Protein backbone atom coordinates (compact mmCIF):
# COMPACT_ATOMS: atom_id res chain seq x y z
CA MET A 1 -27.42 26.95 -26.10
CA LYS A 2 -29.88 26.84 -28.99
CA GLN A 3 -31.82 29.74 -27.48
CA SER A 4 -28.63 31.79 -27.20
CA LEU A 5 -27.78 31.05 -30.83
CA LYS A 6 -31.31 32.08 -31.80
CA ASN A 7 -31.02 35.31 -29.82
CA LEU A 8 -27.79 36.14 -31.61
CA ALA A 9 -29.37 35.28 -34.98
CA ASP A 10 -32.34 37.54 -34.23
CA TYR A 11 -30.03 40.38 -33.19
CA SER A 12 -27.91 39.97 -36.31
CA LYS A 13 -30.95 40.07 -38.56
CA ARG A 14 -32.15 43.29 -36.92
CA HIS A 15 -28.73 44.88 -37.40
CA ASN A 16 -27.86 43.40 -40.81
CA ILE A 17 -24.92 41.35 -39.49
CA ASN A 18 -23.83 38.13 -41.19
CA LEU A 19 -23.05 35.27 -38.84
CA ILE A 20 -20.71 32.37 -39.38
CA LEU A 21 -20.68 29.41 -37.04
CA MET A 22 -17.52 27.36 -37.15
CA MET A 23 -17.51 23.86 -35.74
CA MET A 24 -14.17 23.13 -34.14
CA PRO A 25 -13.44 19.41 -34.17
CA GLU A 26 -12.16 17.54 -31.18
CA VAL A 27 -8.61 16.65 -32.21
CA HIS A 28 -7.89 13.85 -29.75
CA ASP A 29 -8.40 11.04 -32.28
CA LEU A 30 -9.15 11.95 -35.90
CA LYS A 31 -8.78 8.41 -37.26
CA ASN A 32 -11.64 7.09 -35.13
CA TYR A 33 -13.57 10.35 -34.97
CA LYS A 34 -16.63 9.93 -32.76
CA TYR A 35 -18.23 13.35 -32.98
CA GLN A 36 -19.52 13.64 -36.55
CA PHE A 37 -23.03 13.60 -35.07
CA ALA A 38 -22.24 16.89 -33.28
CA HIS A 39 -21.05 18.45 -36.55
CA ASP A 40 -24.30 17.37 -38.21
CA ILE A 41 -26.39 18.86 -35.39
CA MET A 42 -24.52 22.15 -35.51
CA ALA A 43 -24.75 22.35 -39.32
CA LYS A 44 -28.50 21.81 -39.11
CA THR A 45 -28.86 24.34 -36.30
CA ALA A 46 -26.82 26.90 -38.23
CA LYS A 47 -28.97 26.44 -41.32
CA THR A 48 -32.21 26.66 -39.34
CA LEU A 49 -31.12 29.90 -37.65
CA GLY A 50 -29.66 31.51 -40.78
CA TYR A 51 -25.99 31.22 -39.89
CA LYS A 52 -23.39 30.36 -42.47
CA PHE A 53 -21.54 27.19 -41.38
CA VAL A 54 -17.89 26.20 -41.61
CA ASP A 55 -16.87 22.73 -40.50
CA GLY A 56 -13.25 22.62 -39.32
CA LEU A 57 -12.94 18.85 -39.62
CA PRO A 58 -12.21 18.69 -43.38
CA ALA A 59 -9.34 21.14 -42.86
CA LEU A 60 -7.56 18.42 -40.88
CA GLN A 61 -7.93 15.62 -43.42
CA ASP A 62 -4.28 15.66 -44.53
CA VAL A 63 -2.83 15.56 -41.01
CA LYS A 64 -1.04 12.25 -40.53
CA SER A 65 -1.39 11.99 -36.76
CA SER A 66 -3.85 13.60 -34.38
CA GLN A 67 -0.95 14.18 -32.02
CA ASP A 68 0.52 16.62 -34.56
CA LEU A 69 -2.37 18.92 -33.65
CA TRP A 70 -2.09 18.66 -29.88
CA ALA A 71 -0.98 21.59 -27.73
CA MET A 72 1.47 19.25 -25.98
CA PRO A 73 1.81 15.53 -25.33
CA GLY A 74 -1.23 14.36 -23.42
CA ASP A 75 -3.11 17.64 -24.05
CA PRO A 76 -5.33 17.29 -27.10
CA HIS A 77 -6.30 20.97 -27.26
CA PRO A 78 -5.61 22.38 -30.73
CA ASN A 79 -2.11 23.79 -31.21
CA ALA A 80 -0.89 26.51 -33.57
CA LEU A 81 -0.91 24.16 -36.57
CA ALA A 82 -4.53 23.20 -35.94
CA HIS A 83 -5.56 26.83 -35.51
CA ASN A 84 -3.74 27.79 -38.72
CA LEU A 85 -5.62 25.07 -40.59
CA PHE A 86 -8.92 26.30 -39.11
CA ALA A 87 -8.07 29.88 -40.07
CA ASP A 88 -7.29 28.78 -43.63
CA ALA A 89 -10.69 27.04 -43.79
CA VAL A 90 -12.47 30.20 -42.68
CA TYR A 91 -10.45 32.30 -45.11
CA LEU A 92 -11.32 30.02 -48.04
CA PHE A 93 -14.96 30.04 -47.00
CA LEU A 94 -15.02 33.85 -46.89
CA MET A 95 -13.29 34.16 -50.26
CA ASN A 96 -15.73 31.74 -51.90
CA LYS A 97 -18.97 32.55 -50.09
CA LYS A 98 -19.00 36.30 -49.52
């Protein structure tokens, strides 16, 4: 994966394209979130390769229950609410970091 991200970074530099890498959190259990290490790795990788980085996890901080973000009961894929919160995070990033 890192080589693919590097290839894309190299291509973008040659063609003057800005890249943003967004880390989508796993929304199964936000109260006992076990994947911060993955966010840290991806943030470091993004910085090393020249990507801008948006972490989707802070966008979910005000959600009371992880289940409010699930596609359906028992299916912890992000639902419309989660995707709207992620989109807002990207929008705010673009408006502040252009």
